Amino acid sequence: MAKATQQGSTAPASYEAALQELEQLVAKLESGDMPLEQLLTQYQRGAELLKFCRDRLETVEDQVKVLDQGTLKPWTPE
């Protein structure tokens, strides 16, 4: 379930949803066809999404550290 953030926008339901919304937002920002006021609002939303993604990744990394008993092991693809 999504929750409201300080600015009234909703938090994404998942990391994947946040990443998808962020990618779409970046494409809109890069198009250059947005009025200045909307550009600022969309930039702020992008910052919220980026923070959400970073926080989620940090949480998962902390969980992996616990599972590996505090030692991160190098990942090698098979």
N, C-alpha and C. Protein backbone atom coordinates (compact mmCIF):
# COMPACT_ATOMS: atom_id res chain seq x y z
N MET A 1 0.84 -1.18 0.00
CA MET A 1 0.00 0.00 0.00
C MET A 1 0.88 1.24 0.00
N ALA A 2 0.61 2.19 -0.87
CA ALA A 2 1.39 3.41 -0.97
C ALA A 2 1.00 4.37 0.14
N LYS A 3 1.99 5.12 0.63
CA LYS A 3 1.70 6.10 1.67
C LYS A 3 2.07 7.48 1.17
N ALA A 4 1.45 8.50 1.76
CA ALA A 4 1.70 9.87 1.34
C ALA A 4 3.02 10.36 1.91
N THR A 5 3.74 11.17 1.13
CA THR A 5 4.97 11.78 1.60
C THR A 5 4.67 13.19 2.08
N GLN A 6 5.70 13.90 2.51
CA GLN A 6 5.51 15.24 3.05
C GLN A 6 4.86 16.19 2.06
N GLN A 7 5.17 16.09 0.78
CA GLN A 7 4.61 17.00 -0.21
C GLN A 7 3.25 16.53 -0.73
N GLY A 8 2.73 15.45 -0.19
CA GLY A 8 1.41 15.01 -0.59
C GLY A 8 1.41 13.97 -1.69
N SER A 9 2.56 13.72 -2.33
CA SER A 9 2.60 12.68 -3.35
C SER A 9 2.72 11.33 -2.67
N THR A 10 2.39 10.30 -3.40
CA THR A 10 2.38 8.97 -2.80
C THR A 10 3.72 8.27 -3.01
N ALA A 11 4.08 7.48 -2.02
CA ALA A 11 5.29 6.67 -2.14
C ALA A 11 4.99 5.50 -3.06
N PRO A 12 5.97 5.08 -3.82
CA PRO A 12 5.77 3.95 -4.72
C PRO A 12 5.49 2.66 -3.96
N ALA A 13 4.82 1.74 -4.60
CA ALA A 13 4.48 0.47 -3.99
C ALA A 13 5.69 -0.44 -3.84
N SER A 14 6.68 -0.26 -4.71
CA SER A 14 7.86 -1.12 -4.67
C SER A 14 9.05 -0.39 -5.30
N TYR A 15 10.21 -0.99 -5.13
CA TYR A 15 11.43 -0.47 -5.76
C TYR A 15 11.27 -0.44 -7.27
N GLU A 16 10.72 -1.51 -7.81
CA GLU A 16 10.56 -1.60 -9.27
C GLU A 16 9.62 -0.52 -9.79
N ALA A 17 8.52 -0.27 -9.06
CA ALA A 17 7.57 0.77 -9.46
C ALA A 17 8.24 2.15 -9.40
N ALA A 18 9.04 2.38 -8.38
CA ALA A 18 9.75 3.66 -8.25
C ALA A 18 10.73 3.85 -9.39
N LEU A 19 11.46 2.79 -9.71
CA LEU A 19 12.44 2.87 -10.79
C LEU A 19 11.77 3.14 -12.13
N GLN A 20 10.66 2.48 -12.38
CA GLN A 20 9.93 2.69 -13.63
C GLN A 20 9.41 4.14 -13.72
N GLU A 21 8.83 4.62 -12.63
CA GLU A 21 8.33 6.00 -12.63
C GLU A 21 9.48 6.99 -12.82
N LEU A 22 10.60 6.72 -12.17
CA LEU A 22 11.76 7.60 -12.29
C LEU A 22 12.28 7.63 -13.73
N GLU A 23 12.33 6.49 -14.38
CA GLU A 23 12.79 6.44 -15.78
C GLU A 23 11.86 7.24 -16.69
N GLN A 24 10.55 7.12 -16.47
CA GLN A 24 9.58 7.87 -17.28
C GLN A 24 9.72 9.37 -17.03
N LEU A 25 9.94 9.72 -15.78
CA LEU A 25 10.07 11.12 -15.42
C LEU A 25 11.33 11.73 -16.04
N VAL A 26 12.42 11.00 -16.01
CA VAL A 26 13.66 11.49 -16.61
C VAL A 26 13.47 11.72 -18.11
N ALA A 27 12.78 10.82 -18.77
CA ALA A 27 12.52 10.98 -20.21
C ALA A 27 11.72 12.26 -20.47
N LYS A 28 10.73 12.53 -19.63
CA LYS A 28 9.93 13.75 -19.78
C LYS A 28 10.78 14.99 -19.54
N LEU A 29 11.62 14.95 -18.50
CA LEU A 29 12.48 16.09 -18.19
C LEU A 29 13.46 16.36 -19.32
N GLU A 30 14.01 15.30 -19.89
CA GLU A 30 14.99 15.44 -20.96
C GLU A 30 14.38 15.93 -22.26
N SER A 31 13.06 15.77 -22.42
CA SER A 31 12.41 16.20 -23.66
C SER A 31 12.44 17.72 -23.82
N GLY A 32 12.47 18.44 -22.69
CA GLY A 32 12.52 19.89 -22.75
C GLY A 32 11.20 20.55 -23.08
N ASP A 33 10.10 19.81 -23.12
CA ASP A 33 8.81 20.34 -23.49
C ASP A 33 7.92 20.66 -22.29
N MET A 34 8.50 20.84 -21.13
CA MET A 34 7.73 21.03 -19.92
C MET A 34 7.82 22.48 -19.45
N PRO A 35 6.68 23.08 -19.03
CA PRO A 35 6.73 24.43 -18.47
C PRO A 35 7.58 24.43 -17.19
N LEU A 36 8.16 25.59 -16.88
CA LEU A 36 9.08 25.71 -15.76
C LEU A 36 8.47 25.25 -14.44
N GLU A 37 7.24 25.64 -14.15
CA GLU A 37 6.59 25.26 -12.89
C GLU A 37 6.45 23.73 -12.79
N GLN A 38 6.03 23.12 -13.87
CA GLN A 38 5.88 21.66 -13.89
C GLN A 38 7.26 20.99 -13.81
N LEU A 39 8.25 21.60 -14.43
CA LEU A 39 9.60 21.07 -14.39
C LEU A 39 10.10 20.97 -12.95
N LEU A 40 9.86 22.00 -12.17
CA LEU A 40 10.29 22.00 -10.77
C LEU A 40 9.55 20.93 -9.97
N THR A 41 8.25 20.81 -10.18
CA THR A 41 7.46 19.80 -9.48
C THR A 41 7.93 18.40 -9.83
N GLN A 42 8.18 18.15 -11.10
CA GLN A 42 8.63 16.84 -11.54
C GLN A 42 10.05 16.53 -11.04
N TYR A 43 10.89 17.56 -10.98
CA TYR A 43 12.23 17.37 -10.44
C TYR A 43 12.16 16.97 -8.97
N GLN A 44 11.28 17.61 -8.22
CA GLN A 44 11.11 17.26 -6.81
C GLN A 44 10.61 15.83 -6.66
N ARG A 45 9.68 15.41 -7.51
CA ARG A 45 9.20 14.04 -7.48
C ARG A 45 10.34 13.06 -7.79
N GLY A 46 11.16 13.42 -8.74
CA GLY A 46 12.30 12.59 -9.08
C GLY A 46 13.25 12.44 -7.89
N ALA A 47 13.47 13.51 -7.16
CA ALA A 47 14.33 13.45 -5.97
C ALA A 47 13.72 12.52 -4.92
N GLU A 48 12.40 12.56 -4.76
CA GLU A 48 11.72 11.67 -3.81
C GLU A 48 11.89 10.21 -4.23
N LEU A 49 11.71 9.95 -5.52
CA LEU A 49 11.85 8.59 -6.03
C LEU A 49 13.28 8.07 -5.88
N LEU A 50 14.24 8.94 -6.15
CA LEU A 50 15.64 8.55 -6.01
C LEU A 50 15.97 8.21 -4.56
N LYS A 51 15.48 9.02 -3.63
CA LYS A 51 15.69 8.75 -2.20
C LYS A 51 15.03 7.42 -1.81
N PHE A 52 13.83 7.18 -2.29
CA PHE A 52 13.13 5.93 -2.00
C PHE A 52 13.97 4.74 -2.48
N CYS A 53 14.48 4.81 -3.72
CA CYS A 53 15.27 3.71 -4.28
C CYS A 53 16.56 3.50 -3.49
N ARG A 54 17.25 4.59 -3.17
CA ARG A 54 18.49 4.47 -2.40
C ARG A 54 18.23 3.88 -1.02
N ASP A 55 17.18 4.33 -0.36
CA ASP A 55 16.84 3.80 0.97
C ASP A 55 16.51 2.32 0.89
N ARG A 56 15.76 1.93 -0.12
CA ARG A 56 15.38 0.52 -0.27
C ARG A 56 16.62 -0.35 -0.53
N LEU A 57 17.51 0.12 -1.38
CA LEU A 57 18.74 -0.63 -1.66
C LEU A 57 19.60 -0.76 -0.41
N GLU A 58 19.68 0.30 0.37
CA GLU A 58 20.45 0.26 1.62
C GLU A 58 19.85 -0.74 2.60
N THR A 59 18.53 -0.78 2.68
CA THR A 59 17.86 -1.73 3.55
C THR A 59 18.17 -3.17 3.14
N VAL A 60 18.11 -3.43 1.84
CA VAL A 60 18.39 -4.78 1.34
C VAL A 60 19.86 -5.12 1.60
N GLU A 61 20.75 -4.17 1.39
CA GLU A 61 22.17 -4.43 1.65
C GLU A 61 22.39 -4.77 3.13
N ASP A 62 21.73 -4.06 4.03
CA ASP A 62 21.84 -4.36 5.45
C ASP A 62 21.33 -5.76 5.77
N GLN A 63 20.25 -6.17 5.10
CA GLN A 63 19.71 -7.51 5.32
C GLN A 63 20.69 -8.57 4.83
N VAL A 64 21.35 -8.31 3.71
CA VAL A 64 22.34 -9.26 3.18
C VAL A 64 23.51 -9.37 4.15
N LYS A 65 23.94 -8.24 4.72
CA LYS A 65 25.03 -8.27 5.69
C LYS A 65 24.66 -9.16 6.88
N VAL A 66 23.44 -9.05 7.35
CA VAL A 66 22.99 -9.88 8.46
C VAL A 66 23.00 -11.35 8.07
N LEU A 67 22.50 -11.64 6.88
CA LEU A 67 22.47 -13.02 6.42
C LEU A 67 23.87 -13.60 6.26
N ASP A 68 24.81 -12.74 5.87
CA ASP A 68 26.19 -13.19 5.70
C ASP A 68 27.02 -12.95 6.97
N GLN A 69 26.36 -12.74 8.07
CA GLN A 69 26.98 -12.54 9.38
C GLN A 69 27.97 -11.38 9.37
N GLY A 70 27.53 -10.26 8.74
CA GLY A 70 28.32 -9.04 8.78
C GLY A 70 29.44 -8.96 7.76
N THR A 71 29.63 -9.98 6.97
CA THR A 71 30.70 -9.97 5.99
C THR A 71 30.12 -10.02 4.58
N LEU A 72 30.35 -8.97 3.83
CA LEU A 72 29.91 -9.00 2.43
C LEU A 72 30.89 -9.84 1.64
N LYS A 73 30.36 -10.75 0.88
CA LYS A 73 31.19 -11.62 0.06
C LYS A 73 31.16 -11.12 -1.37
N PRO A 74 32.29 -11.19 -2.08
CA PRO A 74 32.28 -10.74 -3.47
C PRO A 74 31.33 -11.60 -4.29
N TRP A 75 30.58 -10.95 -5.15
CA TRP A 75 29.64 -11.66 -6.01
C TRP A 75 30.34 -12.01 -7.31
N THR A 76 30.25 -13.27 -7.66
CA THR A 76 30.82 -13.72 -8.93
C THR A 76 29.73 -14.41 -9.73
N PRO A 77 29.44 -13.91 -10.93
CA PRO A 77 28.40 -14.55 -11.75
C PRO A 77 28.86 -15.93 -12.19
N GLU A 78 27.91 -16.82 -12.25
CA GLU A 78 28.22 -18.20 -12.64
C GLU A 78 28.00 -18.40 -14.11
